[in-house]
Amino acid sequence: MLECIEHTVQGFNAITIRNAYLSCTVVPELGGKITSLKAMQTQREWLALDEQVGLNKANYADDFTRFDSGGWDECFPSIAPEVDFPIAKRKVNIPDHGQLWCLPWQVVELKTSKSAIIVVLQCEGVGLGYRFTRSLKLGKSAKGLIVNYQLVNHSDEPIPYIWSMHPIFAVTPNMHITLPTRAIEFATDTGFKTFFNTQVKHFSWPYQSPLNHHLNLSHVMPYYSGFASKMYSDRLSTYFTETDSFEVELSCGDEYCGFRFSPHQVSHLGLWFNYHGWSGNDLPAPFVLGIEPCIGNSDSLRQSIENKEAAILVAHEQRSWQVEFFIS
């Protein structure tokens, strides 16, 4: 089975591509948001979608928290908002979670064959002269979705940036988060230090509370734990060769999903833990997990530049990278 279905989701035009193993739904008008990643064999929906928030069309520079419905967005060229940021000899305001989520994307190619379906979506940045392209490829017998990214700078000036996938996963207690068996370092944040009552600035994955051995970051915590923390790995290329593949996995019994990518293309991994710990609006805090392959080691573009971890796209440069989403 290999199908491409054009339909609507909550009143918005959507495209669903699916085979016997995996179904993926994308809504181009809503920042290219992926609203569903479903395992067809078990009917497990891996992405969290907040029905209380629902899907709504945003205007540029709207408050992200009013539209934070889950799913999978793309963050670029910053995650944190930036006011009067100097890029390409001008000052630009970058909304919270970047420019892409609040802009409509265009479907520039929808290619179907007996062996695969490819959906190519594109978005032009605001005030920066770049084009962001993301293609989704699903093979007939594949248990994974190949996601190819292309970034083009049309301007005569360099563009510094950070990028992050922002998929929010529906989780339950005791699901397991698996990283490669190497001592990968993560930087802590305020939420981490407050919850674990520590001043630790870095730790090797997985962190286990010295006061409560049941609290181990590789396991999803119990409901209403109140833990909310965003953390970034060190630069992954320091741990892996150019031929290595980095893999992060979320599992529940025999079922699992995850991401696979080159640590020399995608430089960092971000993890957003929100176990009923934080809400950006008046609604109850969700119980979700963000697994976020990214380029840059901070939500703030300014901070990533200061840390010398931001990327730079020089004038008229084109850059590409690839991430695979896989399921059991």
Foldseek 3Di string as FASTA:
>chain_A
DWDWDWDDDPRAIWIWIDAQAWIWIFGQFQLRFIDFIAGNVVRDTWWAFAPVLDADAAAFQPAVLSHPGATKHKAPQFQAWDFQCDFPNGGDTAHHSGGRRRGGKDFPDWDDDQFKTKTKIKDAGPPFQKIKIWMWMDTNPAQKIKIKIKMWHQDQFKGWGKMKIWHKTDDAWFWFKDWPPDFWKKAWDPLVCVLLVHPDGIGGPWDARPVDRVDIVRTQHHAPSQGWTKMKTQFCCVPDPQPDKTWMWTGDVPKIKTKIFGSVQQTMWMKTAFRQRDRPDPDGTDGIITTMRMQFGDSGSVVRVVVVRIDMAGHRRMDMTMMMMGID
